[in-house]
Amino acid sequence: MLQFLPNNTSKGKAVLEVADQLNIDKSEIISFGDSYNDLEMISSTGLGVAMGNACDQLKEVANYITKSNKDDGVAYVLEELIKNEQD
């Protein structure tokens, strides 16, 4: 995979910029990722979730590791969070 981005841009910066515009604290953000280009985003949001198929470096900085993309890892985390809120 090859990605081209303008200097000083990243998914992490974009997420935080949108959150700032919407007055959402970064502690209230859940981010999901599976590759190196997600490192800043995962480490700068309230809950950084690495997919089960993520690179090892991302798994090291994530707060939580979920199931893989193929196993509906995002849905699994969201269902668990909703279930825990109801308990």
PDB file of N, CA and C in Angstrom:
ATOM      1  N   MET A   1       0.842  -1.162   0.000  1.00  0.00           N
ATOM      2  CA  MET A   1       0.000   0.000   0.000  1.00  0.00           C
ATOM      3  C   MET A   1       0.894   1.234   0.000  1.00  0.00           C
ATOM      4  N   LEU A   2       0.518   2.219  -0.768  1.00  0.00           N
ATOM      5  CA  LEU A   2       1.245   3.473  -0.839  1.00  0.00           C
ATOM      6  C   LEU A   2       0.244   4.609  -0.713  1.00  0.00           C
ATOM      7  N   GLN A   3       0.506   5.518   0.213  1.00  0.00           N
ATOM      8  CA  GLN A   3      -0.396   6.658   0.421  1.00  0.00           C
ATOM      9  C   GLN A   3       0.380   7.949   0.279  1.00  0.00           C
ATOM     10  N   PHE A   4      -0.272   8.925  -0.348  1.00  0.00           N
ATOM     11  CA  PHE A   4       0.304  10.252  -0.479  1.00  0.00           C
ATOM     12  C   PHE A   4      -0.562  11.225   0.291  1.00  0.00           C
ATOM     13  N   LEU A   5       0.050  11.964   1.200  1.00  0.00           N
ATOM     14  CA  LEU A   5      -0.671  12.948   2.006  1.00  0.00           C
ATOM     15  C   LEU A   5       0.094  14.261   1.996  1.00  0.00           C
ATOM     16  N   PRO A   6      -0.619  15.367   2.066  1.00  0.00           N
ATOM     17  CA  PRO A   6       0.085  16.641   2.206  1.00  0.00           C
ATOM     18  C   PRO A   6       0.889  16.654   3.509  1.00  0.00           C
ATOM     19  N   ASN A   7       1.954  17.447   3.530  1.00  0.00           N
ATOM     20  CA  ASN A   7       2.765  17.570   4.746  1.00  0.00           C
ATOM     21  C   ASN A   7       1.908  17.985   5.926  1.00  0.00           C
ATOM     22  N   ASN A   8       2.288  17.510   7.098  1.00  0.00           N
ATOM     23  CA  ASN A   8       1.626  17.865   8.364  1.00  0.00           C
ATOM     24  C   ASN A   8       0.160  17.459   8.423  1.00  0.00           C
ATOM     25  N   THR A   9      -0.209  16.388   7.742  1.00  0.00           N
ATOM     26  CA  THR A   9      -1.575  15.875   7.843  1.00  0.00           C
ATOM     27  C   THR A   9      -1.540  14.422   8.296  1.00  0.00           C
ATOM     28  N   SER A  10      -2.627  13.998   8.913  1.00  0.00           N
ATOM     29  CA  SER A  10      -2.755  12.609   9.339  1.00  0.00           C
ATOM     30  C   SER A  10      -4.210  12.367   9.713  1.00  0.00           C
ATOM     31  N   LYS A  11      -4.559  11.119   9.854  1.00  0.00           N
ATOM     32  CA  LYS A  11      -5.903  10.782  10.315  1.00  0.00           C
ATOM     33  C   LYS A  11      -6.127  11.314  11.718  1.00  0.00           C
ATOM     34  N   GLY A  12      -5.103  11.205  12.563  1.00  0.00           N
ATOM     35  CA  GLY A  12      -5.215  11.690  13.932  1.00  0.00           C
ATOM     36  C   GLY A  12      -5.504  13.176  13.992  1.00  0.00           C
ATOM     37  N   LYS A  13      -4.768  13.954  13.228  1.00  0.00           N
ATOM     38  CA  LYS A  13      -4.995  15.406  13.205  1.00  0.00           C
ATOM     39  C   LYS A  13      -6.375  15.728  12.663  1.00  0.00           C
ATOM     40  N   ALA A  14      -6.811  15.009  11.645  1.00  0.00           N
ATOM     41  CA  ALA A  14      -8.127  15.261  11.057  1.00  0.00           C
ATOM     42  C   ALA A  14      -9.246  14.970  12.054  1.00  0.00           C
ATOM     43  N   VAL A  15      -9.151  13.851  12.748  1.00  0.00           N
ATOM     44  CA  VAL A  15     -10.171  13.492  13.740  1.00  0.00           C
ATOM     45  C   VAL A  15     -10.237  14.540  14.843  1.00  0.00           C
ATOM     46  N   LEU A  16      -9.076  14.968  15.330  1.00  0.00           N
ATOM     47  CA  LEU A  16      -9.059  15.958  16.405  1.00  0.00           C
ATOM     48  C   LEU A  16      -9.549  17.320  15.932  1.00  0.00           C
ATOM     49  N   GLU A  17      -9.281  17.663  14.685  1.00  0.00           N
ATOM     50  CA  GLU A  17      -9.759  18.939  14.134  1.00  0.00           C
ATOM     51  C   GLU A  17     -11.289  18.939  14.034  1.00  0.00           C
ATOM     52  N   VAL A  18     -11.861  17.861  13.539  1.00  0.00           N
ATOM     53  CA  VAL A  18     -13.327  17.753  13.453  1.00  0.00           C
ATOM     54  C   VAL A  18     -13.932  17.780  14.854  1.00  0.00           C
ATOM     55  N   ALA A  19     -13.331  17.063  15.779  1.00  0.00           N
ATOM     56  CA  ALA A  19     -13.819  17.049  17.161  1.00  0.00           C
ATOM     57  C   ALA A  19     -13.795  18.449  17.759  1.00  0.00           C
ATOM     58  N   ASP A  20     -12.728  19.182  17.501  1.00  0.00           N
ATOM     59  CA  ASP A  20     -12.621  20.548  18.006  1.00  0.00           C
ATOM     60  C   ASP A  20     -13.732  21.422  17.434  1.00  0.00           C
ATOM     61  N   GLN A  21     -13.998  21.290  16.153  1.00  0.00           N
ATOM     62  CA  GLN A  21     -15.058  22.074  15.508  1.00  0.00           C
ATOM     63  C   GLN A  21     -16.434  21.739  16.070  1.00  0.00           C
ATOM     64  N   LEU A  22     -16.612  20.511  16.520  1.00  0.00           N
ATOM     65  CA  LEU A  22     -17.893  20.062  17.063  1.00  0.00           C
ATOM     66  C   LEU A  22     -17.939  20.117  18.586  1.00  0.00           C
ATOM     67  N   ASN A  23     -16.895  20.674  19.194  1.00  0.00           N
ATOM     68  CA  ASN A  23     -16.789  20.773  20.654  1.00  0.00           C
ATOM     69  C   ASN A  23     -16.887  19.410  21.339  1.00  0.00           C
ATOM     70  N   ILE A  24     -16.205  18.437  20.778  1.00  0.00           N
ATOM     71  CA  ILE A  24     -16.153  17.093  21.355  1.00  0.00           C
ATOM     72  C   ILE A  24     -14.758  16.898  21.933  1.00  0.00           C
ATOM     73  N   ASP A  25     -14.695  16.541  23.202  1.00  0.00           N
ATOM     74  CA  ASP A  25     -13.412  16.300  23.841  1.00  0.00           C
ATOM     75  C   ASP A  25     -12.804  15.009  23.302  1.00  0.00           C
ATOM     76  N   LYS A  26     -11.493  14.992  23.145  1.00  0.00           N
ATOM     77  CA  LYS A  26     -10.845  13.793  22.588  1.00  0.00           C
ATOM     78  C   LYS A  26     -11.062  12.560  23.457  1.00  0.00           C
ATOM     79  N   SER A  27     -11.350  12.769  24.743  1.00  0.00           N
ATOM     80  CA  SER A  27     -11.608  11.634  25.628  1.00  0.00           C
ATOM     81  C   SER A  27     -12.911  10.921  25.275  1.00  0.00           C
ATOM     82  N   GLU A  28     -13.764  11.564  24.498  1.00  0.00           N
ATOM     83  CA  GLU A  28     -15.050  10.987  24.104  1.00  0.00           C
ATOM     84  C   GLU A  28     -15.003  10.296  22.742  1.00  0.00           C
ATOM     85  N   ILE A  29     -13.827  10.210  22.145  1.00  0.00           N
ATOM     86  CA  ILE A  29     -13.686   9.658  20.796  1.00  0.00           C
ATOM     87  C   ILE A  29     -13.169   8.231  20.853  1.00  0.00           C
ATOM     88  N   ILE A  30     -13.794   7.362  20.069  1.00  0.00           N
ATOM     89  CA  ILE A  30     -13.310   5.996  19.864  1.00  0.00           C
ATOM     90  C   ILE A  30     -12.765   5.938  18.444  1.00  0.00           C
ATOM     91  N   SER A  31     -11.542   5.483  18.301  1.00  0.00           N
ATOM     92  CA  SER A  31     -10.975   5.326  16.966  1.00  0.00           C
ATOM     93  C   SER A  31     -10.581   3.866  16.758  1.00  0.00           C
ATOM     94  N   PHE A  32     -10.726   3.437  15.526  1.00  0.00           N
ATOM     95  CA  PHE A  32     -10.410   2.062  15.141  1.00  0.00           C
ATOM     96  C   PHE A  32      -9.363   2.092  14.037  1.00  0.00           C
ATOM     97  N   GLY A  33      -8.404   1.186  14.085  1.00  0.00           N
ATOM     98  CA  GLY A  33      -7.397   1.152  13.041  1.00  0.00           C
ATOM     99  C   GLY A  33      -6.743  -0.205  12.924  1.00  0.00           C
ATOM    100  N   ASP A  34      -5.987  -0.343  11.808  1.00  0.00           N
ATOM    101  CA  ASP A  34      -5.313  -1.621  11.591  1.00  0.00           C
ATOM    102  C   ASP A  34      -3.912  -1.493  11.001  1.00  0.00           C
ATOM    103  N   SER A  35      -3.446  -0.254  10.762  1.00  0.00           N
ATOM    104  CA  SER A  35      -2.153  -0.123  10.114  1.00  0.00           C
ATOM    105  C   SER A  35      -1.368   1.071  10.656  1.00  0.00           C
ATOM    106  N   TYR A  36      -0.168   1.230  10.142  1.00  0.00           N
ATOM    107  CA  TYR A  36       0.748   2.267  10.616  1.00  0.00           C
ATOM    108  C   TYR A  36       0.181   3.673  10.476  1.00  0.00           C
ATOM    109  N   ASN A  37      -0.619   3.909   9.443  1.00  0.00           N
ATOM    110  CA  ASN A  37      -1.181   5.246   9.248  1.00  0.00           C
ATOM    111  C   ASN A  37      -2.265   5.580  10.278  1.00  0.00           C
ATOM    112  N   ASP A  38      -2.579   4.656  11.152  1.00  0.00           N
ATOM    113  CA  ASP A  38      -3.571   4.875  12.214  1.00  0.00           C
ATOM    114  C   ASP A  38      -2.923   5.126  13.576  1.00  0.00           C
ATOM    115  N   LEU A  39      -1.610   5.055  13.669  1.00  0.00           N
ATOM    116  CA  LEU A  39      -0.907   5.162  14.957  1.00  0.00           C
ATOM    117  C   LEU A  39      -1.238   6.447  15.710  1.00  0.00           C
ATOM    118  N   GLU A  40      -1.120   7.584  15.055  1.00  0.00           N
ATOM    119  CA  GLU A  40      -1.382   8.847  15.731  1.00  0.00           C
ATOM    120  C   GLU A  40      -2.833   8.942  16.177  1.00  0.00           C
ATOM    121  N   MET A  41      -3.756   8.504  15.322  1.00  0.00           N
ATOM    122  CA  MET A  41      -5.177   8.554  15.647  1.00  0.00           C
ATOM    123  C   MET A  41      -5.483   7.668  16.855  1.00  0.00           C
ATOM    124  N   ILE A  42      -4.985   6.459  16.849  1.00  0.00           N
ATOM    125  CA  ILE A  42      -5.244   5.506  17.930  1.00  0.00           C
ATOM    126  C   ILE A  42      -4.684   6.010  19.258  1.00  0.00           C
ATOM    127  N   SER A  43      -3.511   6.617  19.209  1.00  0.00           N
ATOM    128  CA  SER A  43      -2.876   7.059  20.447  1.00  0.00           C
ATOM    129  C   SER A  43      -3.353   8.425  20.934  1.00  0.00           C
ATOM    130  N   SER A  44      -4.123   9.149  20.129  1.00  0.00           N
ATOM    131  CA  SER A  44      -4.533  10.499  20.542  1.00  0.00           C
ATOM    132  C   SER A  44      -6.016  10.632  20.843  1.00  0.00           C
ATOM    133  N   THR A  45      -6.756   9.546  20.801  1.00  0.00           N
ATOM    134  CA  THR A  45      -8.189   9.605  21.114  1.00  0.00           C
ATOM    135  C   THR A  45      -8.465   8.888  22.435  1.00  0.00           C
ATOM    136  N   GLY A  46      -9.660   9.082  22.952  1.00  0.00           N
ATOM    137  CA  GLY A  46     -10.019   8.530  24.254  1.00  0.00           C
ATOM    138  C   GLY A  46      -9.899   7.022  24.337  1.00  0.00           C
ATOM    139  N   LEU A  47     -10.380   6.338  23.326  1.00  0.00           N
ATOM    140  CA  LEU A  47     -10.287   4.880  23.280  1.00  0.00           C
ATOM    141  C   LEU A  47      -9.783   4.488  21.901  1.00  0.00           C
ATOM    142  N   GLY A  48      -8.547   4.048  21.856  1.00  0.00           N
ATOM    143  CA  GLY A  48      -7.949   3.606  20.599  1.00  0.00           C
ATOM    144  C   GLY A  48      -8.042   2.104  20.496  1.00  0.00           C
ATOM    145  N   VAL A  49      -8.714   1.633  19.450  1.00  0.00           N
ATOM    146  CA  VAL A  49      -8.953   0.203  19.280  1.00  0.00           C
ATOM    147  C   VAL A  49      -8.200  -0.310  18.060  1.00  0.00           C
ATOM    148  N   ALA A  50      -7.379  -1.305  18.260  1.00  0.00           N
ATOM    149  CA  ALA A  50      -6.685  -1.968  17.158  1.00  0.00           C
ATOM    150  C   ALA A  50      -7.493  -3.186  16.741  1.00  0.00           C
ATOM    151  N   MET A  51      -7.606  -3.356  15.459  1.00  0.00           N
ATOM    152  CA  MET A  51      -8.289  -4.534  14.935  1.00  0.00           C
ATOM    153  C   MET A  51      -7.398  -5.756  15.167  1.00  0.00           C
ATOM    154  N   GLY A  52      -7.998  -6.917  15.249  1.00  0.00           N
ATOM    155  CA  GLY A  52      -7.240  -8.143  15.471  1.00  0.00           C
ATOM    156  C   GLY A  52      -6.194  -8.404  14.411  1.00  0.00           C
ATOM    157  N   ASN A  53      -6.439  -7.903  13.207  1.00  0.00           N
ATOM    158  CA  ASN A  53      -5.511  -8.078  12.097  1.00  0.00           C
ATOM    159  C   ASN A  53      -4.535  -6.901  11.963  1.00  0.00           C
ATOM    160  N   ALA A  54      -4.483  -6.023  12.964  1.00  0.00           N
ATOM    161  CA  ALA A  54      -3.619  -4.841  12.912  1.00  0.00           C
ATOM    162  C   ALA A  54      -2.146  -5.212  13.018  1.00  0.00           C
ATOM    163  N   CYS A  55      -1.307  -4.283  12.585  1.00  0.00           N
ATOM    164  CA  CYS A  55       0.135  -4.473  12.728  1.00  0.00           C
ATOM    165  C   CYS A  55       0.498  -4.452  14.221  1.00  0.00           C
ATOM    166  N   ASP A  56       1.574  -5.102  14.564  1.00  0.00           N
ATOM    167  CA  ASP A  56       1.973  -5.220  15.971  1.00  0.00           C
ATOM    168  C   ASP A  56       2.210  -3.873  16.634  1.00  0.00           C
ATOM    169  N   GLN A  57       2.797  -2.933  15.910  1.00  0.00           N
ATOM    170  CA  GLN A  57       3.083  -1.614  16.487  1.00  0.00           C
ATOM    171  C   GLN A  57       1.798  -0.901  16.895  1.00  0.00           C
ATOM    172  N   LEU A  58       0.753  -1.049  16.118  1.00  0.00           N
ATOM    173  CA  LEU A  58      -0.533  -0.426  16.457  1.00  0.00           C
ATOM    174  C   LEU A  58      -1.148  -1.104  17.678  1.00  0.00           C
ATOM    175  N   LYS A  59      -1.042  -2.412  17.738  1.00  0.00           N
ATOM    176  CA  LYS A  59      -1.568  -3.144  18.892  1.00  0.00           C
ATOM    177  C   LYS A  59      -0.883  -2.718  20.181  1.00  0.00           C
ATOM    178  N   GLU A  60       0.384  -2.337  20.099  1.00  0.00           N
ATOM    179  CA  GLU A  60       1.137  -1.919  21.288  1.00  0.00           C
ATOM    180  C   GLU A  60       0.638  -0.590  21.847  1.00  0.00           C
ATOM    181  N   VAL A  61       0.156   0.311  21.001  1.00  0.00           N
ATOM    182  CA  VAL A  61      -0.287   1.627  21.489  1.00  0.00           C
ATOM    183  C   VAL A  61      -1.793   1.693  21.744  1.00  0.00           C
ATOM    184  N   ALA A  62      -2.530   0.704  21.277  1.00  0.00           N
ATOM    185  CA  ALA A  62      -3.984   0.707  21.430  1.00  0.00           C
ATOM    186  C   ALA A  62      -4.390   0.442  22.875  1.00  0.00           C
ATOM    187  N   ASN A  63      -5.551   0.979  23.249  1.00  0.00           N
ATOM    188  CA  ASN A  63      -6.118   0.696  24.566  1.00  0.00           C
ATOM    189  C   ASN A  63      -6.794  -0.668  24.592  1.00  0.00           C
ATOM    190  N   TYR A  64      -7.206  -1.133  23.415  1.00  0.00           N
ATOM    191  CA  TYR A  64      -7.982  -2.368  23.330  1.00  0.00           C
ATOM    192  C   TYR A  64      -7.723  -3.003  21.974  1.00  0.00           C
ATOM    193  N   ILE A  65      -7.695  -4.314  21.931  1.00  0.00           N
ATOM    194  CA  ILE A  65      -7.575  -5.047  20.673  1.00  0.00           C
ATOM    195  C   ILE A  65      -8.847  -5.858  20.494  1.00  0.00           C
ATOM    196  N   THR A  66      -9.496  -5.681  19.364  1.00  0.00           N
ATOM    197  CA  THR A  66     -10.757  -6.360  19.093  1.00  0.00           C
ATOM    198  C   THR A  66     -10.553  -7.480  18.074  1.00  0.00           C
ATOM    199  N   LYS A  67     -11.635  -8.019  17.614  1.00  0.00           N
ATOM    200  CA  LYS A  67     -11.594  -9.051  16.581  1.00  0.00           C
ATOM    201  C   LYS A  67     -11.141  -8.425  15.259  1.00  0.00           C
ATOM    202  N   SER A  68     -10.838  -9.253  14.287  1.00  0.00           N
ATOM    203  CA  SER A  68     -10.357  -8.763  13.000  1.00  0.00           C
ATOM    204  C   SER A  68     -11.476  -8.096  12.194  1.00  0.00           C
ATOM    205  N   ASN A  69     -11.081  -7.446  11.114  1.00  0.00           N
ATOM    206  CA  ASN A  69     -12.062  -6.843  10.203  1.00  0.00           C
ATOM    207  C   ASN A  69     -13.051  -7.897   9.702  1.00  0.00           C
ATOM    208  N   LYS A  70     -12.532  -9.055   9.355  1.00  0.00           N
ATOM    209  CA  LYS A  70     -13.382 -10.127   8.810  1.00  0.00           C
ATOM    210  C   LYS A  70     -14.365 -10.666   9.848  1.00  0.00           C
ATOM    211  N   ASP A  71     -14.032 -10.502  11.132  1.00  0.00           N
ATOM    212  CA  ASP A  71     -14.887 -11.006  12.208  1.00  0.00           C
ATOM    213  C   ASP A  71     -15.717  -9.902  12.866  1.00  0.00           C
ATOM    214  N   ASP A  72     -15.940  -8.803  12.140  1.00  0.00           N
ATOM    215  CA  ASP A  72     -16.786  -7.696  12.619  1.00  0.00           C
ATOM    216  C   ASP A  72     -16.292  -7.098  13.933  1.00  0.00           C
ATOM    217  N   GLY A  73     -14.991  -6.829  14.005  1.00  0.00           N
ATOM    218  CA  GLY A  73     -14.387  -6.300  15.219  1.00  0.00           C
ATOM    219  C   GLY A  73     -14.960  -4.978  15.688  1.00  0.00           C
ATOM    220  N   VAL A  74     -15.303  -4.086  14.763  1.00  0.00           N
ATOM    221  CA  VAL A  74     -15.880  -2.796  15.162  1.00  0.00           C
ATOM    222  C   VAL A  74     -17.236  -3.021  15.822  1.00  0.00           C
ATOM    223  N   ALA A  75     -18.083  -3.808  15.191  1.00  0.00           N
ATOM    224  CA  ALA A  75     -19.402  -4.098  15.760  1.00  0.00           C
ATOM    225  C   ALA A  75     -19.268  -4.763  17.126  1.00  0.00           C
ATOM    226  N   TYR A  76     -18.297  -5.653  17.268  1.00  0.00           N
ATOM    227  CA  TYR A  76     -18.096  -6.340  18.547  1.00  0.00           C
ATOM    228  C   TYR A  76     -17.810  -5.335  19.665  1.00  0.00           C
ATOM    229  N   VAL A  77     -16.896  -4.404  19.432  1.00  0.00           N
ATOM    230  CA  VAL A  77     -16.554  -3.412  20.460  1.00  0.00           C
ATOM    231  C   VAL A  77     -17.761  -2.544  20.788  1.00  0.00           C
ATOM    232  N   LEU A  78     -18.453  -2.069  19.769  1.00  0.00           N
ATOM    233  CA  LEU A  78     -19.607  -1.203  20.015  1.00  0.00           C
ATOM    234  C   LEU A  78     -20.694  -1.930  20.795  1.00  0.00           C
ATOM    235  N   GLU A  79     -20.950  -3.186  20.459  1.00  0.00           N
ATOM    236  CA  GLU A  79     -21.945  -3.968  21.198  1.00  0.00           C
ATOM    237  C   GLU A  79     -21.517  -4.158  22.654  1.00  0.00           C
ATOM    238  N   GLU A  80     -20.238  -4.412  22.890  1.00  0.00           N
ATOM    239  CA  GLU A  80     -19.737  -4.578  24.258  1.00  0.00           C
ATOM    240  C   GLU A  80     -19.873  -3.280  25.047  1.00  0.00           C
ATOM    241  N   LEU A  81     -19.566  -2.157  24.432  1.00  0.00           N
ATOM    242  CA  LEU A  81     -19.691  -0.872  25.118  1.00  0.00           C
ATOM    243  C   LEU A  81     -21.145  -0.562  25.465  1.00  0.00           C
ATOM    244  N   ILE A  82     -22.042  -0.843  24.543  1.00  0.00           N
ATOM    245  CA  ILE A  82     -23.471  -0.601  24.809  1.00  0.00           C
ATOM    246  C   ILE A  82     -23.953  -1.524  25.912  1.00  0.00           C
ATOM    247  N   LYS A  83     -23.536  -2.780  25.854  1.00  0.00           N
ATOM    248  CA  LYS A  83     -23.925  -3.735  26.889  1.00  0.00           C
ATOM    249  C   LYS A  83     -23.432  -3.282  28.264  1.00  0.00           C
ATOM    250  N   ASN A  84     -22.196  -2.818  28.340  1.00  0.00           N
ATOM    251  CA  ASN A  84     -21.629  -2.352  29.611  1.00  0.00           C
ATOM    252  C   ASN A  84     -22.324  -1.101  30.124  1.00  0.00           C
ATOM    253  N   GLU A  85     -22.785  -0.240  29.239  1.00  0.00           N
ATOM    254  CA  GLU A  85     -23.516   0.969  29.635  1.00  0.00           C
ATOM    255  C   GLU A  85     -24.857   0.606  30.268  1.00  0.00           C
ATOM    256  N   GLN A  86     -25.457  -0.472  29.802  1.00  0.00           N
ATOM    257  CA  GLN A  86     -26.766  -0.872  30.285  1.00  0.00           C
ATOM    258  C   GLN A  86     -26.685  -1.615  31.609  1.00  0.00           C
ATOM    259  N   ASP A  87     -25.518  -2.153  31.934  1.00  0.00           N
ATOM    260  CA  ASP A  87     -25.361  -2.889  33.205  1.00  0.00           C
ATOM    261  C   ASP A  87     -25.236  -1.970  34.382  1.00  0.00           C
TER     262      ASP A  87
END
